N, C-alpha and C. Protein backbone atom coordinates (compact mmCIF):
# COMPACT_ATOMS: atom_id res chain seq x y z
N MET A 1 0.84 -1.19 0.00
CA MET A 1 0.00 0.00 0.00
C MET A 1 0.88 1.25 0.00
N LYS A 2 0.43 2.24 -0.72
CA LYS A 2 1.13 3.52 -0.74
C LYS A 2 0.77 4.32 0.51
N THR A 3 1.57 5.31 0.79
CA THR A 3 1.35 6.14 1.97
C THR A 3 -0.01 6.81 1.92
N ARG A 4 -0.39 7.30 0.76
CA ARG A 4 -1.68 7.97 0.60
C ARG A 4 -2.84 7.03 0.95
N GLU A 5 -2.74 5.78 0.52
CA GLU A 5 -3.80 4.81 0.80
C GLU A 5 -3.88 4.47 2.28
N VAL A 6 -2.72 4.40 2.94
CA VAL A 6 -2.72 4.16 4.39
C VAL A 6 -3.36 5.34 5.10
N ILE A 7 -3.07 6.54 4.64
CA ILE A 7 -3.66 7.74 5.25
C ILE A 7 -5.17 7.75 5.04
N TYR A 8 -5.62 7.39 3.83
CA TYR A 8 -7.06 7.31 3.59
C TYR A 8 -7.72 6.29 4.53
N SER A 9 -7.10 5.14 4.69
CA SER A 9 -7.65 4.11 5.57
C SER A 9 -7.71 4.62 7.01
N ALA A 10 -6.66 5.28 7.46
CA ALA A 10 -6.65 5.83 8.81
C ALA A 10 -7.72 6.91 8.96
N PHE A 11 -7.86 7.73 7.94
CA PHE A 11 -8.89 8.78 7.93
C PHE A 11 -10.28 8.15 8.04
N ILE A 12 -10.52 7.13 7.25
CA ILE A 12 -11.84 6.48 7.24
C ILE A 12 -12.12 5.83 8.59
N GLY A 13 -11.17 5.06 9.12
CA GLY A 13 -11.36 4.42 10.42
C GLY A 13 -11.58 5.42 11.54
N SER A 14 -10.83 6.52 11.51
CA SER A 14 -10.96 7.54 12.54
C SER A 14 -12.30 8.26 12.45
N ILE A 15 -12.71 8.58 11.23
CA ILE A 15 -14.02 9.24 11.04
C ILE A 15 -15.14 8.32 11.52
N LEU A 16 -15.07 7.04 11.20
CA LEU A 16 -16.10 6.10 11.64
C LEU A 16 -16.16 6.05 13.17
N TYR A 17 -15.01 5.99 13.82
CA TYR A 17 -15.01 5.94 15.28
C TYR A 17 -15.54 7.25 15.86
N LEU A 18 -15.13 8.37 15.29
CA LEU A 18 -15.61 9.67 15.75
C LEU A 18 -17.13 9.77 15.62
N LEU A 19 -17.66 9.33 14.50
CA LEU A 19 -19.11 9.35 14.32
C LEU A 19 -19.82 8.42 15.30
N PHE A 20 -19.20 7.27 15.57
CA PHE A 20 -19.77 6.35 16.56
C PHE A 20 -19.90 7.04 17.90
N VAL A 21 -18.83 7.70 18.33
CA VAL A 21 -18.84 8.38 19.63
C VAL A 21 -19.82 9.54 19.64
N LEU A 22 -19.81 10.35 18.58
CA LEU A 22 -20.67 11.54 18.54
C LEU A 22 -22.16 11.20 18.52
N PHE A 23 -22.53 10.16 17.80
CA PHE A 23 -23.94 9.86 17.63
C PHE A 23 -24.46 8.75 18.54
N SER A 24 -23.61 8.19 19.38
CA SER A 24 -24.06 7.08 20.22
C SER A 24 -25.06 7.51 21.29
N ASN A 25 -25.10 8.78 21.61
CA ASN A 25 -26.04 9.25 22.63
C ASN A 25 -27.30 9.86 22.04
N ILE A 26 -27.42 9.85 20.73
CA ILE A 26 -28.62 10.39 20.08
C ILE A 26 -29.47 9.20 19.65
N LEU A 27 -30.60 9.04 20.29
CA LEU A 27 -31.46 7.89 20.06
C LEU A 27 -31.89 7.80 18.59
N TYR A 28 -31.75 6.63 18.02
CA TYR A 28 -32.19 6.26 16.67
C TYR A 28 -31.33 6.81 15.53
N VAL A 29 -30.40 7.72 15.79
CA VAL A 29 -29.58 8.26 14.71
C VAL A 29 -28.28 7.47 14.64
N GLU A 30 -28.09 6.83 13.49
CA GLU A 30 -26.93 5.97 13.28
C GLU A 30 -26.26 6.41 11.99
N MET A 31 -25.09 7.00 12.08
CA MET A 31 -24.40 7.55 10.91
C MET A 31 -23.32 6.62 10.36
N LEU A 32 -23.02 5.53 11.05
CA LEU A 32 -21.95 4.66 10.60
C LEU A 32 -22.24 4.01 9.26
N THR A 33 -23.43 3.48 9.11
CA THR A 33 -23.79 2.81 7.86
C THR A 33 -23.77 3.80 6.70
N PHE A 34 -24.35 4.96 6.91
CA PHE A 34 -24.35 5.99 5.88
C PHE A 34 -22.92 6.33 5.45
N THR A 35 -22.09 6.60 6.43
CA THR A 35 -20.72 7.02 6.15
C THR A 35 -19.93 5.91 5.46
N LEU A 36 -20.11 4.69 5.92
CA LEU A 36 -19.39 3.57 5.31
C LEU A 36 -19.80 3.38 3.85
N VAL A 37 -21.08 3.50 3.56
CA VAL A 37 -21.54 3.35 2.18
C VAL A 37 -21.00 4.47 1.30
N VAL A 38 -21.03 5.70 1.81
CA VAL A 38 -20.49 6.83 1.03
C VAL A 38 -19.00 6.62 0.75
N PHE A 39 -18.26 6.21 1.78
CA PHE A 39 -16.83 5.93 1.58
C PHE A 39 -16.63 4.79 0.58
N SER A 40 -17.45 3.75 0.68
CA SER A 40 -17.30 2.59 -0.21
C SER A 40 -17.56 2.93 -1.67
N LEU A 41 -18.40 3.92 -1.89
CA LEU A 41 -18.71 4.32 -3.26
C LEU A 41 -17.82 5.48 -3.75
N SER A 42 -16.92 5.97 -2.87
CA SER A 42 -16.07 7.11 -3.24
C SER A 42 -14.58 6.79 -3.26
N PHE A 43 -14.16 5.78 -2.54
CA PHE A 43 -12.75 5.44 -2.41
C PHE A 43 -12.51 4.01 -2.89
N PRO A 44 -11.25 3.66 -3.17
CA PRO A 44 -10.94 2.26 -3.51
C PRO A 44 -11.36 1.33 -2.36
N ILE A 45 -11.85 0.18 -2.70
CA ILE A 45 -12.46 -0.70 -1.71
C ILE A 45 -11.50 -1.15 -0.62
N TYR A 46 -10.26 -1.43 -0.98
CA TYR A 46 -9.34 -1.92 0.05
C TYR A 46 -9.06 -0.85 1.11
N THR A 47 -9.05 0.43 0.72
CA THR A 47 -8.85 1.47 1.73
C THR A 47 -10.04 1.55 2.67
N VAL A 48 -11.23 1.34 2.14
CA VAL A 48 -12.43 1.38 2.98
C VAL A 48 -12.49 0.16 3.90
N VAL A 49 -12.15 -1.00 3.38
CA VAL A 49 -12.15 -2.21 4.21
C VAL A 49 -11.12 -2.08 5.33
N TYR A 50 -9.93 -1.59 5.00
CA TYR A 50 -8.92 -1.38 6.05
C TYR A 50 -9.38 -0.34 7.06
N GLY A 51 -10.04 0.70 6.58
CA GLY A 51 -10.58 1.72 7.48
C GLY A 51 -11.64 1.14 8.40
N ALA A 52 -12.50 0.29 7.86
CA ALA A 52 -13.54 -0.36 8.68
C ALA A 52 -12.91 -1.31 9.70
N LEU A 53 -11.86 -2.00 9.29
CA LEU A 53 -11.14 -2.87 10.23
C LEU A 53 -10.49 -2.04 11.33
N LEU A 54 -9.92 -0.90 10.97
CA LEU A 54 -9.34 -0.01 11.96
C LEU A 54 -10.41 0.48 12.94
N PHE A 55 -11.58 0.84 12.42
CA PHE A 55 -12.67 1.25 13.29
C PHE A 55 -13.02 0.14 14.28
N GLY A 56 -13.14 -1.09 13.80
CA GLY A 56 -13.45 -2.21 14.68
C GLY A 56 -12.37 -2.42 15.73
N MET A 57 -11.11 -2.27 15.33
CA MET A 57 -10.02 -2.43 16.29
C MET A 57 -10.01 -1.30 17.32
N LEU A 58 -10.29 -0.08 16.87
CA LEU A 58 -10.39 1.04 17.81
C LEU A 58 -11.53 0.82 18.80
N GLN A 59 -12.63 0.31 18.29
CA GLN A 59 -13.79 0.03 19.13
C GLN A 59 -13.41 -0.97 20.23
N ILE A 60 -12.72 -2.02 19.86
CA ILE A 60 -12.30 -3.04 20.84
C ILE A 60 -11.24 -2.47 21.78
N LEU A 61 -10.27 -1.75 21.24
CA LEU A 61 -9.20 -1.20 22.05
C LEU A 61 -9.70 -0.20 23.08
N LEU A 62 -10.61 0.67 22.67
CA LEU A 62 -11.06 1.74 23.56
C LEU A 62 -12.28 1.38 24.40
N ASN A 63 -13.04 0.38 23.98
CA ASN A 63 -14.25 0.03 24.72
C ASN A 63 -14.25 -1.39 25.27
N GLY A 64 -13.20 -2.14 25.02
CA GLY A 64 -13.08 -3.47 25.59
C GLY A 64 -13.40 -4.58 24.61
N LEU A 65 -12.86 -5.74 24.91
CA LEU A 65 -13.08 -6.92 24.08
C LEU A 65 -14.40 -7.57 24.50
N LEU A 66 -15.47 -7.02 23.99
CA LEU A 66 -16.82 -7.52 24.27
C LEU A 66 -17.41 -8.06 22.98
N PRO A 67 -18.32 -9.01 23.10
CA PRO A 67 -18.90 -9.58 21.87
C PRO A 67 -19.51 -8.53 20.94
N TRP A 68 -20.11 -7.49 21.52
CA TRP A 68 -20.75 -6.46 20.71
C TRP A 68 -19.73 -5.65 19.95
N ASN A 69 -18.59 -5.40 20.55
CA ASN A 69 -17.53 -4.66 19.86
C ASN A 69 -16.88 -5.50 18.77
N VAL A 70 -16.79 -6.79 18.99
CA VAL A 70 -16.25 -7.69 17.96
C VAL A 70 -17.19 -7.71 16.74
N MET A 71 -18.48 -7.53 16.98
CA MET A 71 -19.44 -7.49 15.87
C MET A 71 -19.12 -6.33 14.92
N TYR A 72 -18.70 -5.19 15.46
CA TYR A 72 -18.32 -4.07 14.60
C TYR A 72 -17.13 -4.46 13.72
N LEU A 73 -16.19 -5.19 14.30
CA LEU A 73 -15.01 -5.63 13.55
C LEU A 73 -15.38 -6.59 12.43
N CYS A 74 -16.43 -7.36 12.62
CA CYS A 74 -16.86 -8.34 11.61
C CYS A 74 -17.80 -7.74 10.57
N ILE A 75 -18.75 -6.94 11.03
CA ILE A 75 -19.84 -6.51 10.15
C ILE A 75 -19.45 -5.38 9.20
N TYR A 76 -18.79 -4.34 9.69
CA TYR A 76 -18.55 -3.18 8.83
C TYR A 76 -17.58 -3.44 7.68
N PRO A 77 -16.50 -4.20 7.86
CA PRO A 77 -15.70 -4.54 6.66
C PRO A 77 -16.52 -5.35 5.64
N LEU A 78 -17.38 -6.22 6.15
CA LEU A 78 -18.25 -7.00 5.26
C LEU A 78 -19.23 -6.08 4.53
N TYR A 79 -19.78 -5.09 5.23
CA TYR A 79 -20.66 -4.12 4.59
C TYR A 79 -19.93 -3.37 3.47
N ALA A 80 -18.67 -3.02 3.71
CA ALA A 80 -17.89 -2.32 2.68
C ALA A 80 -17.72 -3.20 1.44
N LEU A 81 -17.41 -4.46 1.66
CA LEU A 81 -17.25 -5.39 0.53
C LEU A 81 -18.56 -5.60 -0.22
N ILE A 82 -19.66 -5.76 0.50
CA ILE A 82 -20.96 -5.94 -0.14
C ILE A 82 -21.33 -4.71 -0.95
N THR A 83 -21.07 -3.54 -0.40
CA THR A 83 -21.37 -2.30 -1.12
C THR A 83 -20.54 -2.23 -2.41
N TYR A 84 -19.29 -2.63 -2.34
CA TYR A 84 -18.45 -2.63 -3.53
C TYR A 84 -18.99 -3.59 -4.59
N VAL A 85 -19.47 -4.75 -4.15
CA VAL A 85 -20.03 -5.74 -5.10
C VAL A 85 -21.24 -5.15 -5.82
N PHE A 86 -22.07 -4.40 -5.09
CA PHE A 86 -23.28 -3.83 -5.67
C PHE A 86 -23.08 -2.41 -6.21
N LYS A 87 -21.85 -1.97 -6.33
CA LYS A 87 -21.55 -0.60 -6.73
C LYS A 87 -22.22 -0.22 -8.05
N ASN A 88 -22.13 -1.08 -9.05
CA ASN A 88 -22.71 -0.77 -10.37
C ASN A 88 -24.22 -0.66 -10.31
N ILE A 89 -24.84 -1.45 -9.45
CA ILE A 89 -26.30 -1.41 -9.31
C ILE A 89 -26.74 -0.16 -8.57
N LEU A 90 -25.93 0.30 -7.62
CA LEU A 90 -26.32 1.41 -6.75
C LEU A 90 -26.02 2.78 -7.35
N GLU A 91 -24.91 2.90 -8.06
CA GLU A 91 -24.49 4.22 -8.53
C GLU A 91 -25.53 4.85 -9.44
N ASN A 92 -25.71 6.16 -9.23
CA ASN A 92 -26.63 6.99 -10.01
C ASN A 92 -28.10 6.61 -9.81
N HIS A 93 -28.41 5.96 -8.70
CA HIS A 93 -29.79 5.62 -8.37
C HIS A 93 -30.04 6.00 -6.90
N PRO A 94 -30.40 7.25 -6.64
CA PRO A 94 -30.53 7.73 -5.26
C PRO A 94 -31.51 6.92 -4.41
N LEU A 95 -32.63 6.53 -4.99
CA LEU A 95 -33.60 5.75 -4.19
C LEU A 95 -33.07 4.35 -3.88
N ARG A 96 -32.40 3.74 -4.84
CA ARG A 96 -31.80 2.43 -4.59
C ARG A 96 -30.79 2.50 -3.45
N ILE A 97 -29.95 3.53 -3.50
CA ILE A 97 -28.94 3.70 -2.46
C ILE A 97 -29.61 3.93 -1.12
N ALA A 98 -30.67 4.73 -1.09
CA ALA A 98 -31.37 5.01 0.16
C ALA A 98 -32.00 3.74 0.74
N PHE A 99 -32.64 2.95 -0.10
CA PHE A 99 -33.23 1.69 0.39
C PHE A 99 -32.15 0.69 0.81
N TYR A 100 -31.06 0.68 0.07
CA TYR A 100 -29.94 -0.20 0.42
C TYR A 100 -29.38 0.18 1.80
N GLY A 101 -29.14 1.46 2.01
CA GLY A 101 -28.65 1.93 3.30
C GLY A 101 -29.65 1.67 4.42
N MET A 102 -30.91 1.83 4.11
CA MET A 102 -31.97 1.54 5.09
C MET A 102 -31.93 0.07 5.50
N PHE A 103 -31.77 -0.81 4.51
CA PHE A 103 -31.71 -2.24 4.80
C PHE A 103 -30.47 -2.58 5.65
N LEU A 104 -29.31 -2.03 5.28
CA LEU A 104 -28.09 -2.31 6.04
C LEU A 104 -28.21 -1.81 7.48
N SER A 105 -28.82 -0.65 7.66
CA SER A 105 -28.99 -0.10 9.00
C SER A 105 -29.92 -0.98 9.84
N PHE A 106 -31.02 -1.42 9.22
CA PHE A 106 -31.94 -2.32 9.93
C PHE A 106 -31.23 -3.62 10.29
N LEU A 107 -30.51 -4.18 9.34
CA LEU A 107 -29.81 -5.43 9.56
C LEU A 107 -28.75 -5.30 10.65
N MET A 108 -28.08 -4.15 10.71
CA MET A 108 -27.07 -3.93 11.75
C MET A 108 -27.71 -4.00 13.13
N GLY A 109 -28.86 -3.36 13.28
CA GLY A 109 -29.55 -3.40 14.56
C GLY A 109 -29.90 -4.82 14.98
N GLN A 110 -30.25 -5.64 14.02
CA GLN A 110 -30.60 -7.03 14.33
C GLN A 110 -29.36 -7.90 14.57
N LEU A 111 -28.32 -7.68 13.78
CA LEU A 111 -27.10 -8.48 13.93
C LEU A 111 -26.40 -8.21 15.27
N MET A 112 -26.56 -7.00 15.79
CA MET A 112 -25.92 -6.68 17.07
C MET A 112 -26.53 -7.45 18.23
N GLU A 113 -27.68 -8.07 18.01
CA GLU A 113 -28.31 -8.87 19.06
C GLU A 113 -27.77 -10.30 19.11
N LEU A 114 -27.06 -10.72 18.08
CA LEU A 114 -26.58 -12.10 18.01
C LEU A 114 -25.64 -12.52 19.14
N PRO A 115 -24.80 -11.63 19.69
CA PRO A 115 -23.95 -12.07 20.80
C PRO A 115 -24.73 -12.56 22.03
N PHE A 116 -26.00 -12.21 22.13
CA PHE A 116 -26.80 -12.71 23.24
C PHE A 116 -26.97 -14.23 23.17
N LEU A 117 -26.67 -14.82 21.99
CA LEU A 117 -26.71 -16.28 21.87
C LEU A 117 -25.72 -16.95 22.83
N PHE A 118 -24.68 -16.22 23.23
CA PHE A 118 -23.73 -16.77 24.20
C PHE A 118 -24.41 -17.02 25.54
N PHE A 119 -25.48 -16.29 25.81
CA PHE A 119 -26.16 -16.40 27.10
C PHE A 119 -27.36 -17.33 27.03
N SER A 120 -28.22 -17.07 26.03
CA SER A 120 -29.43 -17.89 25.94
C SER A 120 -30.13 -17.62 24.61
N LYS A 121 -30.69 -18.68 24.05
CA LYS A 121 -31.46 -18.54 22.81
C LYS A 121 -32.73 -17.73 23.07
N THR A 122 -33.35 -17.96 24.21
CA THR A 122 -34.57 -17.24 24.57
C THR A 122 -34.31 -15.75 24.73
N ILE A 123 -33.22 -15.42 25.40
CA ILE A 123 -32.87 -14.01 25.58
C ILE A 123 -32.59 -13.36 24.23
N THR A 124 -31.92 -14.08 23.35
CA THR A 124 -31.61 -13.54 22.02
C THR A 124 -32.89 -13.25 21.25
N ILE A 125 -33.81 -14.17 21.26
CA ILE A 125 -35.09 -13.96 20.56
C ILE A 125 -35.83 -12.77 21.16
N ALA A 126 -35.83 -12.68 22.47
CA ALA A 126 -36.50 -11.56 23.14
C ALA A 126 -35.86 -10.23 22.74
N TYR A 127 -34.53 -10.17 22.74
CA TYR A 127 -33.85 -8.93 22.37
C TYR A 127 -34.08 -8.58 20.91
N ILE A 128 -34.12 -9.57 20.04
CA ILE A 128 -34.38 -9.29 18.63
C ILE A 128 -35.79 -8.73 18.46
N LEU A 129 -36.76 -9.33 19.13
CA LEU A 129 -38.14 -8.84 19.02
C LEU A 129 -38.29 -7.45 19.64
N LEU A 130 -37.66 -7.25 20.80
CA LEU A 130 -37.75 -5.94 21.45
C LEU A 130 -36.98 -4.88 20.66
N GLY A 131 -35.94 -5.29 19.96
CA GLY A 131 -35.15 -4.34 19.19
C GLY A 131 -35.73 -4.00 17.83
N LEU A 132 -36.80 -4.68 17.43
CA LEU A 132 -37.40 -4.41 16.12
C LEU A 132 -37.86 -2.96 15.99
N LYS A 133 -38.50 -2.44 17.02
CA LYS A 133 -38.99 -1.06 16.98
C LYS A 133 -37.83 -0.09 16.77
N THR A 134 -36.77 -0.28 17.53
CA THR A 134 -35.60 0.58 17.41
C THR A 134 -34.97 0.45 16.02
N SER A 135 -34.84 -0.77 15.55
CA SER A 135 -34.22 -0.99 14.24
C SER A 135 -35.04 -0.39 13.11
N ILE A 136 -36.35 -0.47 13.22
CA ILE A 136 -37.21 0.09 12.17
C ILE A 136 -37.11 1.61 12.15
N ILE A 137 -37.20 2.24 13.31
CA ILE A 137 -37.09 3.70 13.37
C ILE A 137 -35.70 4.14 12.91
N GLN A 138 -34.68 3.45 13.36
CA GLN A 138 -33.30 3.77 12.97
C GLN A 138 -33.12 3.65 11.47
N SER A 139 -33.68 2.62 10.87
CA SER A 139 -33.53 2.44 9.43
C SER A 139 -34.29 3.51 8.64
N LEU A 140 -35.42 3.96 9.14
CA LEU A 140 -36.15 5.04 8.47
C LEU A 140 -35.36 6.35 8.52
N ILE A 141 -34.72 6.62 9.64
CA ILE A 141 -33.89 7.82 9.74
C ILE A 141 -32.68 7.70 8.81
N THR A 142 -32.11 6.52 8.72
CA THR A 142 -30.99 6.29 7.81
C THR A 142 -31.43 6.51 6.36
N PHE A 143 -32.64 6.09 6.03
CA PHE A 143 -33.20 6.33 4.69
C PHE A 143 -33.20 7.83 4.39
N LEU A 144 -33.65 8.63 5.35
CA LEU A 144 -33.67 10.09 5.16
C LEU A 144 -32.25 10.66 5.05
N GLU A 145 -31.32 10.11 5.83
CA GLU A 145 -29.92 10.54 5.73
C GLU A 145 -29.43 10.35 4.30
N PHE A 146 -29.72 9.20 3.72
CA PHE A 146 -29.27 8.92 2.36
C PHE A 146 -29.94 9.83 1.36
N LEU A 147 -31.22 10.09 1.53
CA LEU A 147 -31.93 10.95 0.58
C LEU A 147 -31.37 12.36 0.56
N PHE A 148 -31.07 12.90 1.73
CA PHE A 148 -30.68 14.30 1.80
C PHE A 148 -29.17 14.55 1.83
N LEU A 149 -28.39 13.60 2.30
CA LEU A 149 -26.97 13.85 2.50
C LEU A 149 -26.04 13.11 1.54
N PHE A 150 -26.52 12.06 0.91
CA PHE A 150 -25.61 11.21 0.14
C PHE A 150 -24.91 11.97 -0.99
N ASP A 151 -25.66 12.62 -1.86
CA ASP A 151 -25.04 13.29 -3.02
C ASP A 151 -24.06 14.39 -2.60
N PRO A 152 -24.42 15.30 -1.69
CA PRO A 152 -23.45 16.34 -1.31
C PRO A 152 -22.18 15.77 -0.67
N VAL A 153 -22.33 14.79 0.21
CA VAL A 153 -21.17 14.23 0.89
C VAL A 153 -20.29 13.48 -0.11
N LYS A 154 -20.89 12.72 -1.00
CA LYS A 154 -20.10 11.98 -2.00
C LYS A 154 -19.35 12.95 -2.91
N ARG A 155 -20.00 14.02 -3.31
CA ARG A 155 -19.35 15.01 -4.16
C ARG A 155 -18.12 15.61 -3.46
N ILE A 156 -18.26 15.92 -2.18
CA ILE A 156 -17.15 16.49 -1.42
C ILE A 156 -16.01 15.48 -1.29
N LEU A 157 -16.34 14.21 -0.99
CA LEU A 157 -15.30 13.20 -0.86
C LEU A 157 -14.55 12.97 -2.17
N ILE A 158 -15.27 12.97 -3.27
CA ILE A 158 -14.61 12.79 -4.57
C ILE A 158 -13.72 13.99 -4.88
N GLN A 159 -14.17 15.19 -4.52
CA GLN A 159 -13.36 16.39 -4.72
C GLN A 159 -12.09 16.32 -3.88
N ILE A 160 -12.20 15.89 -2.62
CA ILE A 160 -11.04 15.74 -1.75
C ILE A 160 -10.06 14.75 -2.36
N ARG A 161 -10.58 13.66 -2.86
CA ARG A 161 -9.72 12.62 -3.45
C ARG A 161 -9.02 13.14 -4.70
N LYS A 162 -9.73 13.89 -5.54
CA LYS A 162 -9.13 14.42 -6.76
C LYS A 162 -8.03 15.44 -6.44
N GLU A 163 -8.29 16.27 -5.44
CA GLU A 163 -7.30 17.31 -5.09
C GLU A 163 -6.04 16.72 -4.48
N SER A 164 -6.15 15.55 -3.87
CA SER A 164 -4.97 14.97 -3.23
C SER A 164 -4.10 14.19 -4.20
N LEU A 165 -4.60 13.97 -5.40
CA LEU A 165 -3.81 13.24 -6.41
C LEU A 165 -2.84 14.15 -7.03
């Protein structure tokens, strides 16, 4: 990897962690999925995957080795790869991107309940059912984030990338 690519990865991982900290106290607002998708559609995929891995490692390092923090390390790099695979389908289709981001946000809320399987299957099912309301509201807000913020943010990121070349 070139120095510029390492810096991009560090930038992406740091921004993801910063957004996690900033928005973790605001109920239902989740900016990680939005930001990761915008980065995945604006930067080379390996820099985004490394950035997502860095975010997961920062999460574990600063918040402890807990099953929920390990989920961030597993899920977000996978989200970056999936977004890259669907890049041709998503680009230039604002509604598709918004629904895609909405689905990923909803799925994230549900996947974060899986570590409860370490404790009990019944508890896991209960948490998934109880978390449905939160996941649905969170995904609707993410849909609005994509509708209103995706194009301006992507344009700025592409401009930053062009100017640094």
